[in-house]
């Protein structure tokens, strides 16, 4: 990773809005601003259980003929992991994912980042 890309993956401000449920905001060293909904983060949890990297694929329920209501994930708590990541305790009881700032920058949901990641 170059020094320029390392700098862009460093936050200058991180705000996690657990009590309001408004998600997390990060302002990056290069001036870019990212906003992450908690449900978006839960769906992209990088832990071994969620990604299947522990050697056993995550259990998946068979398709149901009747769709069930599934509430949107929120965060019950968030904590810093050193100076490199954030860990969430999600409303569905999941709390093992560690979201590094480098990973968060890579999954930024803003339009310009989505366009850049889909460019050839």
Protein backbone atom coordinates (compact mmCIF):
# COMPACT_ATOMS: atom_id res chain seq x y z
CA UNK A 1 0.00 0.00 0.00
CA UNK A 2 1.43 3.40 -0.92
CA UNK A 3 1.77 6.22 1.58
CA UNK A 4 -0.98 8.15 -0.24
CA UNK A 5 -3.44 5.27 0.04
CA UNK A 6 -2.39 4.69 3.67
CA UNK A 7 -3.18 8.35 4.42
CA UNK A 8 -6.59 8.10 2.75
CA UNK A 9 -7.41 5.15 5.04
CA UNK A 10 -6.70 7.18 8.16
CA UNK A 11 -9.67 8.87 9.80
CA UNK A 12 -9.44 12.35 11.27
CA UNK A 13 -12.92 12.15 12.83
CA UNK A 14 -15.12 9.17 13.69
CA UNK A 15 -18.66 9.60 15.01
CA UNK A 16 -20.78 6.58 15.94
CA UNK A 17 -24.42 7.43 16.59
CA UNK A 18 -25.51 4.41 18.64
CA UNK A 19 -28.18 6.19 20.69
CA UNK A 20 -29.92 7.71 17.65
CA UNK A 21 -29.37 4.73 15.34
CA UNK A 22 -28.05 7.03 12.62
CA UNK A 23 -24.98 4.91 11.86
CA UNK A 24 -21.36 5.97 11.70
CA UNK A 25 -19.65 8.91 10.02
CA UNK A 26 -15.97 9.09 9.17
CA UNK A 27 -14.03 12.03 7.83
CA UNK A 28 -10.83 10.76 6.22
CA UNK A 29 -7.41 12.42 6.12
CA UNK A 30 -7.86 13.21 2.41
CA UNK A 31 -11.09 15.12 3.17
CA UNK A 32 -13.48 12.40 1.99
CA UNK A 33 -16.60 11.85 4.13
CA UNK A 34 -18.26 8.44 4.55
CA UNK A 35 -21.59 7.57 6.17
CA UNK A 36 -22.39 3.95 7.06
CA UNK A 37 -25.82 2.68 8.15
CA UNK A 38 -25.58 -0.02 10.82
CA UNK A 39 -27.50 -2.51 8.65
CA UNK A 40 -24.98 -1.90 5.83
CA UNK A 41 -22.10 -2.66 8.21
CA UNK A 42 -23.80 -5.75 9.64
CA UNK A 43 -24.32 -7.12 6.13
CA UNK A 44 -20.61 -6.63 5.41
CA UNK A 45 -19.20 -7.99 8.67
CA UNK A 46 -15.63 -9.16 7.98
CA UNK A 47 -15.43 -11.76 10.77
CA UNK A 48 -14.54 -15.39 10.04
CA UNK A 49 -18.03 -16.63 10.91
CA UNK A 50 -19.71 -14.23 8.47
CA UNK A 51 -17.20 -14.72 5.66
CA UNK A 52 -16.80 -18.49 6.09
CA UNK A 53 -13.04 -18.21 6.61
CA UNK A 54 -13.06 -20.47 9.65
CA UNK A 55 -13.35 -23.51 7.40
CA UNK A 56 -17.08 -24.03 7.73
CA UNK A 57 -19.49 -22.12 5.53
CA UNK A 58 -21.97 -19.97 7.44
CA UNK A 59 -25.24 -21.74 8.06
CA UNK A 60 -27.98 -20.56 5.77
CA UNK A 61 -31.64 -21.27 6.15
CA UNK A 62 -33.44 -22.90 3.25
CA UNK A 63 -35.57 -20.52 1.23
CA UNK A 64 -38.97 -20.04 2.77
CA UNK A 65 -42.14 -19.82 0.70
CA UNK A 66 -43.33 -17.18 3.18
CA UNK A 67 -40.99 -14.25 3.67
CA UNK A 68 -40.36 -13.47 7.30
CA UNK A 69 -39.93 -10.04 8.76
CA UNK A 70 -36.35 -9.40 9.75
CA UNK A 71 -35.72 -6.16 11.64
CA UNK A 72 -32.90 -3.95 10.39
CA UNK A 73 -29.73 -4.40 12.39
CA UNK A 74 -28.74 -1.56 14.65
CA UNK A 75 -25.81 -1.18 17.02
CA UNK A 76 -26.23 -1.57 20.75
CA UNK A 77 -22.64 -0.46 21.38
CA UNK A 78 -19.40 0.36 19.59
CA UNK A 79 -15.81 0.42 20.78
CA UNK A 80 -12.43 1.36 19.41
CA UNK A 81 -9.96 -1.43 18.70
CA UNK A 82 -6.60 0.22 19.16
CA UNK A 83 -6.11 3.03 16.68
CA UNK A 84 -7.00 0.93 13.65
CA UNK A 85 -10.58 -0.36 13.92
CA UNK A 86 -14.09 -0.26 15.39
CA UNK A 87 -16.05 -3.18 16.82
CA UNK A 88 -19.85 -3.19 17.06
CA UNK A 89 -22.30 -5.07 19.23
CA UNK A 90 -25.21 -5.44 16.81
CA UNK A 91 -28.87 -5.80 17.79
CA UNK A 92 -28.94 -9.38 16.46
CA UNK A 93 -26.37 -10.39 19.09
CA UNK A 94 -23.40 -10.47 16.72
CA UNK A 95 -20.27 -8.76 18.04
CA UNK A 96 -17.17 -10.52 16.69
CA UNK A 97 -16.48 -8.40 13.62
CA UNK A 98 -13.61 -5.94 13.74
CA UNK A 99 -13.96 -3.23 11.09
CA UNK A 100 -10.52 -1.84 10.30
CA UNK A 101 -10.40 1.68 8.93
CA UNK A 102 -8.73 0.34 5.80
CA UNK A 103 -11.67 -2.07 5.30
CA UNK A 104 -14.22 0.68 6.01
CA UNK A 105 -12.62 2.96 3.41
CA UNK A 106 -12.78 0.12 0.92
CA UNK A 107 -16.52 -0.42 1.46
CA UNK A 108 -17.50 3.26 1.52
CA UNK A 109 -21.08 3.33 0.21
CA UNK A 110 -20.99 6.81 -1.34
CA UNK A 111 -21.69 7.18 -5.04
CA UNK A 112 -18.17 8.28 -5.99
CA UNK A 113 -16.56 5.32 -4.19
CA UNK A 114 -19.03 2.84 -5.71
CA UNK A 115 -18.32 4.27 -9.16
CA UNK A 116 -14.56 4.08 -8.61
CA UNK A 117 -14.70 0.46 -7.40
CA UNK A 118 -16.75 -0.65 -10.41
CA UNK A 119 -14.50 1.12 -12.94
CA UNK A 120 -12.26 -1.23 -15.00
